[in-house]
PDB file of N, CA and C in Angstrom:
ATOM      1  N   UNK A   1     -12.209  99.273 -73.483  1.00  0.00           N
ATOM      2  CA  UNK A   1     -11.408  98.812 -72.412  1.00  0.00           C
ATOM      3  C   UNK A   1     -11.480  99.822 -71.197  1.00  0.00           C
ATOM      4  N   UNK A   2     -11.356 101.099 -71.557  1.00  0.00           N
ATOM      5  CA  UNK A   2     -11.431 102.092 -70.519  1.00  0.00           C
ATOM      6  C   UNK A   2     -12.706 102.020 -69.690  1.00  0.00           C
ATOM      7  N   UNK A   3     -13.822 101.790 -70.413  1.00  0.00           N
ATOM      8  CA  UNK A   3     -15.142 101.718 -69.737  1.00  0.00           C
ATOM      9  C   UNK A   3     -15.209 100.541 -68.751  1.00  0.00           C
ATOM     10  N   UNK A   4     -14.664  99.314 -69.155  1.00  0.00           N
ATOM     11  CA  UNK A   4     -14.609  98.229 -68.341  1.00  0.00           C
ATOM     12  C   UNK A   4     -13.707  98.472 -67.085  1.00  0.00           C
ATOM     13  N   UNK A   5     -12.526  99.023 -67.291  1.00  0.00           N
ATOM     14  CA  UNK A   5     -11.622  99.309 -66.197  1.00  0.00           C
ATOM     15  C   UNK A   5     -12.262 100.251 -65.233  1.00  0.00           C
ATOM     16  N   UNK A   6     -12.899 101.311 -65.765  1.00  0.00           N
ATOM     17  CA  UNK A   6     -13.513 102.310 -64.890  1.00  0.00           C
ATOM     18  C   UNK A   6     -14.634 101.700 -64.057  1.00  0.00           C
ATOM     19  N   UNK A   7     -15.446 100.810 -64.641  1.00  0.00           N
ATOM     20  CA  UNK A   7     -16.498 100.194 -63.866  1.00  0.00           C
ATOM     21  C   UNK A   7     -15.958  99.241 -62.807  1.00  0.00           C
ATOM     22  N   UNK A   8     -14.797  98.618 -63.057  1.00  0.00           N
ATOM     23  CA  UNK A   8     -14.203  97.786 -62.032  1.00  0.00           C
ATOM     24  C   UNK A   8     -13.565  98.601 -60.973  1.00  0.00           C
ATOM     25  N   UNK A   9     -12.883  99.683 -61.329  1.00  0.00           N
ATOM     26  CA  UNK A   9     -12.249 100.614 -60.400  1.00  0.00           C
ATOM     27  C   UNK A   9     -13.257 101.183 -59.402  1.00  0.00           C
ATOM     28  N   UNK A  10     -14.466 101.379 -59.847  1.00  0.00           N
ATOM     29  CA  UNK A  10     -15.483 102.095 -59.028  1.00  0.00           C
ATOM     30  C   UNK A  10     -16.230 101.123 -58.163  1.00  0.00           C
ATOM     31  N   UNK A  11     -15.939  99.813 -58.152  1.00  0.00           N
ATOM     32  CA  UNK A  11     -16.610  98.882 -57.335  1.00  0.00           C
ATOM     33  C   UNK A  11     -16.117  99.099 -55.923  1.00  0.00           C
ATOM     34  N   UNK A  12     -17.016  99.133 -54.993  1.00  0.00           N
ATOM     35  CA  UNK A  12     -16.640  99.339 -53.580  1.00  0.00           C
ATOM     36  C   UNK A  12     -16.355  98.057 -52.836  1.00  0.00           C
ATOM     37  N   UNK A  13     -16.922  96.923 -53.318  1.00  0.00           N
ATOM     38  CA  UNK A  13     -16.771  95.689 -52.627  1.00  0.00           C
ATOM     39  C   UNK A  13     -15.640  94.861 -53.308  1.00  0.00           C
ATOM     40  N   UNK A  14     -14.882  94.154 -52.459  1.00  0.00           N
ATOM     41  CA  UNK A  14     -13.891  93.238 -52.907  1.00  0.00           C
ATOM     42  C   UNK A  14     -14.595  91.929 -53.273  1.00  0.00           C
ATOM     43  N   UNK A  15     -14.227  91.371 -54.399  1.00  0.00           N
ATOM     44  CA  UNK A  15     -14.897  90.052 -54.681  1.00  0.00           C
ATOM     45  C   UNK A  15     -14.382  88.927 -53.669  1.00  0.00           C
ATOM     46  N   UNK A  16     -15.287  88.045 -53.351  1.00  0.00           N
ATOM     47  CA  UNK A  16     -14.988  87.003 -52.433  1.00  0.00           C
ATOM     48  C   UNK A  16     -14.149  85.885 -53.147  1.00  0.00           C
ATOM     49  N   UNK A  17     -13.187  85.378 -52.526  1.00  0.00           N
ATOM     50  CA  UNK A  17     -12.493  84.230 -53.092  1.00  0.00           C
ATOM     51  C   UNK A  17     -13.292  82.927 -52.738  1.00  0.00           C
ATOM     52  N   UNK A  18     -13.244  82.014 -53.699  1.00  0.00           N
ATOM     53  CA  UNK A  18     -13.967  80.834 -53.386  1.00  0.00           C
ATOM     54  C   UNK A  18     -13.242  80.014 -52.274  1.00  0.00           C
ATOM     55  N   UNK A  19     -13.993  79.188 -51.603  1.00  0.00           N
ATOM     56  CA  UNK A  19     -13.441  78.427 -50.493  1.00  0.00           C
ATOM     57  C   UNK A  19     -12.206  77.564 -50.829  1.00  0.00           C
ATOM     58  N   UNK A  20     -12.184  77.018 -52.070  1.00  0.00           N
ATOM     59  CA  UNK A  20     -11.084  76.152 -52.450  1.00  0.00           C
ATOM     60  C   UNK A  20      -9.794  76.932 -52.524  1.00  0.00           C
ATOM     61  N   UNK A  21      -9.825  78.292 -52.767  1.00  0.00           N
ATOM     62  CA  UNK A  21      -8.577  79.068 -52.760  1.00  0.00           C
ATOM     63  C   UNK A  21      -7.871  78.997 -51.441  1.00  0.00           C
ATOM     64  N   UNK A  22      -8.652  79.088 -50.368  1.00  0.00           N
ATOM     65  CA  UNK A  22      -8.027  79.032 -49.017  1.00  0.00           C
ATOM     66  C   UNK A  22      -7.493  77.623 -48.757  1.00  0.00           C
ATOM     67  N   UNK A  23      -8.145  76.660 -49.277  1.00  0.00           N
ATOM     68  CA  UNK A  23      -7.671  75.273 -49.106  1.00  0.00           C
ATOM     69  C   UNK A  23      -6.313  75.063 -49.812  1.00  0.00           C
ATOM     70  N   UNK A  24      -6.152  75.606 -50.993  1.00  0.00           N
ATOM     71  CA  UNK A  24      -4.925  75.479 -51.722  1.00  0.00           C
ATOM     72  C   UNK A  24      -3.846  76.229 -51.058  1.00  0.00           C
ATOM     73  N   UNK A  25      -4.108  77.438 -50.605  1.00  0.00           N
ATOM     74  CA  UNK A  25      -3.088  78.225 -49.883  1.00  0.00           C
ATOM     75  C   UNK A  25      -2.677  77.525 -48.635  1.00  0.00           C
ATOM     76  N   UNK A  26      -3.645  76.975 -47.821  1.00  0.00           N
ATOM     77  CA  UNK A  26      -3.279  76.244 -46.653  1.00  0.00           C
ATOM     78  C   UNK A  26      -2.402  75.050 -46.903  1.00  0.00           C
ATOM     79  N   UNK A  27      -2.675  74.338 -47.981  1.00  0.00           N
ATOM     80  CA  UNK A  27      -1.870  73.128 -48.274  1.00  0.00           C
ATOM     81  C   UNK A  27      -0.490  73.539 -48.657  1.00  0.00           C
ATOM     82  N   UNK A  28      -0.344  74.563 -49.452  1.00  0.00           N
ATOM     83  CA  UNK A  28       0.919  75.130 -49.850  1.00  0.00           C
ATOM     84  C   UNK A  28       1.727  75.586 -48.673  1.00  0.00           C
ATOM     85  N   UNK A  29       1.106  76.296 -47.700  1.00  0.00           N
ATOM     86  CA  UNK A  29       1.753  76.738 -46.510  1.00  0.00           C
ATOM     87  C   UNK A  29       2.311  75.590 -45.650  1.00  0.00           C
ATOM     88  N   UNK A  30       1.482  74.523 -45.637  1.00  0.00           N
ATOM     89  CA  UNK A  30       1.980  73.289 -44.873  1.00  0.00           C
ATOM     90  C   UNK A  30       3.236  72.739 -45.477  1.00  0.00           C
ATOM     91  N   UNK A  31       3.355  72.708 -46.837  1.00  0.00           N
ATOM     92  CA  UNK A  31       4.513  72.281 -47.461  1.00  0.00           C
ATOM     93  C   UNK A  31       5.684  73.187 -47.237  1.00  0.00           C
ATOM     94  N   UNK A  32       5.543  74.434 -47.180  1.00  0.00           N
ATOM     95  CA  UNK A  32       6.559  75.447 -46.877  1.00  0.00           C
ATOM     96  C   UNK A  32       7.051  75.174 -45.538  1.00  0.00           C
ATOM     97  N   UNK A  33       6.173  75.108 -44.580  1.00  0.00           N
ATOM     98  CA  UNK A  33       6.538  74.970 -43.160  1.00  0.00           C
ATOM     99  C   UNK A  33       7.202  73.641 -42.881  1.00  0.00           C
ATOM    100  N   UNK A  34       6.853  72.571 -43.643  1.00  0.00           N
ATOM    101  CA  UNK A  34       7.487  71.238 -43.337  1.00  0.00           C
ATOM    102  C   UNK A  34       8.735  71.065 -44.152  1.00  0.00           C
ATOM    103  N   UNK A  35       9.089  72.019 -45.015  1.00  0.00           N
ATOM    104  CA  UNK A  35      10.268  71.875 -45.825  1.00  0.00           C
ATOM    105  C   UNK A  35      10.038  71.103 -47.094  1.00  0.00           C
ATOM    106  N   UNK A  36       8.839  70.619 -47.390  1.00  0.00           N
ATOM    107  CA  UNK A  36       8.518  69.908 -48.597  1.00  0.00           C
ATOM    108  C   UNK A  36       8.438  70.702 -49.867  1.00  0.00           C
ATOM    109  N   UNK A  37       8.243  72.045 -49.677  1.00  0.00           N
ATOM    110  CA  UNK A  37       7.978  72.882 -50.869  1.00  0.00           C
ATOM    111  C   UNK A  37       9.322  73.045 -51.615  1.00  0.00           C
ATOM    112  N   UNK A  38       9.135  73.083 -52.956  1.00  0.00           N
ATOM    113  CA  UNK A  38      10.244  73.274 -53.841  1.00  0.00           C
ATOM    114  C   UNK A  38      10.095  74.593 -54.540  1.00  0.00           C
ATOM    115  N   UNK A  39      11.135  75.335 -54.614  1.00  0.00           N
ATOM    116  CA  UNK A  39      11.100  76.719 -55.200  1.00  0.00           C
ATOM    117  C   UNK A  39      12.054  76.691 -56.369  1.00  0.00           C
ATOM    118  N   UNK A  40      11.739  77.466 -57.422  1.00  0.00           N
ATOM    119  CA  UNK A  40      12.511  77.670 -58.595  1.00  0.00           C
ATOM    120  C   UNK A  40      12.947  79.072 -58.727  1.00  0.00           C
ATOM    121  N   UNK A  41      14.142  79.265 -59.185  1.00  0.00           N
ATOM    122  CA  UNK A  41      14.669  80.644 -59.410  1.00  0.00           C
ATOM    123  C   UNK A  41      13.905  81.121 -60.625  1.00  0.00           C
ATOM    124  N   UNK A  42      14.067  82.427 -60.960  1.00  0.00           N
ATOM    125  CA  UNK A  42      13.415  82.963 -62.147  1.00  0.00           C
ATOM    126  C   UNK A  42      14.074  82.334 -63.363  1.00  0.00           C
ATOM    127  N   UNK A  43      15.392  82.197 -63.316  1.00  0.00           N
ATOM    128  CA  UNK A  43      16.122  81.600 -64.502  1.00  0.00           C
ATOM    129  C   UNK A  43      15.660  80.201 -64.656  1.00  0.00           C
ATOM    130  N   UNK A  44      15.394  79.380 -63.662  1.00  0.00           N
ATOM    131  CA  UNK A  44      14.866  78.045 -63.819  1.00  0.00           C
ATOM    132  C   UNK A  44      13.532  78.040 -64.479  1.00  0.00           C
ATOM    133  N   UNK A  45      12.661  78.934 -64.034  1.00  0.00           N
ATOM    134  CA  UNK A  45      11.350  79.035 -64.664  1.00  0.00           C
ATOM    135  C   UNK A  45      11.453  79.448 -66.126  1.00  0.00           C
ATOM    136  N   UNK A  46      12.306  80.352 -66.454  1.00  0.00           N
ATOM    137  CA  UNK A  46      12.481  80.809 -67.872  1.00  0.00           C
ATOM    138  C   UNK A  46      12.982  79.609 -68.713  1.00  0.00           C
ATOM    139  N   UNK A  47      13.923  78.841 -68.197  1.00  0.00           N
ATOM    140  CA  UNK A  47      14.493  77.703 -68.865  1.00  0.00           C
ATOM    141  C   UNK A  47      13.438  76.685 -69.133  1.00  0.00           C
ATOM    142  N   UNK A  48      12.567  76.368 -68.113  1.00  0.00           N
ATOM    143  CA  UNK A  48      11.459  75.446 -68.353  1.00  0.00           C
ATOM    144  C   UNK A  48      10.476  75.923 -69.348  1.00  0.00           C
ATOM    145  N   UNK A  49      10.200  77.239 -69.332  1.00  0.00           N
ATOM    146  CA  UNK A  49       9.274  77.758 -70.351  1.00  0.00           C
ATOM    147  C   UNK A  49       9.880  77.678 -71.723  1.00  0.00           C
ATOM    148  N   UNK A  50      11.131  77.960 -71.875  1.00  0.00           N
ATOM    149  CA  UNK A  50      11.802  77.917 -73.180  1.00  0.00           C
ATOM    150  C   UNK A  50      11.818  76.519 -73.771  1.00  0.00           C
ATOM    151  N   UNK A  51      12.017  75.529 -72.828  1.00  0.00           N
ATOM    152  CA  UNK A  51      12.082  74.128 -73.386  1.00  0.00           C
ATOM    153  C   UNK A  51      10.602  73.537 -73.660  1.00  0.00           C
ATOM    154  N   UNK A  52       9.604  74.165 -73.019  1.00  0.00           N
ATOM    155  CA  UNK A  52       8.233  73.669 -73.306  1.00  0.00           C
ATOM    156  C   UNK A  52       7.652  74.290 -74.580  1.00  0.00           C
ATOM    157  N   UNK A  53       8.235  75.328 -75.110  1.00  0.00           N
ATOM    158  CA  UNK A  53       7.606  75.968 -76.257  1.00  0.00           C
ATOM    159  C   UNK A  53       8.315  75.535 -77.513  1.00  0.00           C
TER     160      UNK A  53
END
């Protein structure tokens, strides 16, 4: 594991994000700006995870 981490840490270039990442972020930002986005508190997320397992 140390060898893998070291090889990644020594990389000088940042990996490029795929184009679809930008599209997803843009769509989510539109929802936030228009007030359509829904947010959950950490407790709500935990409760959902507890009921799904």
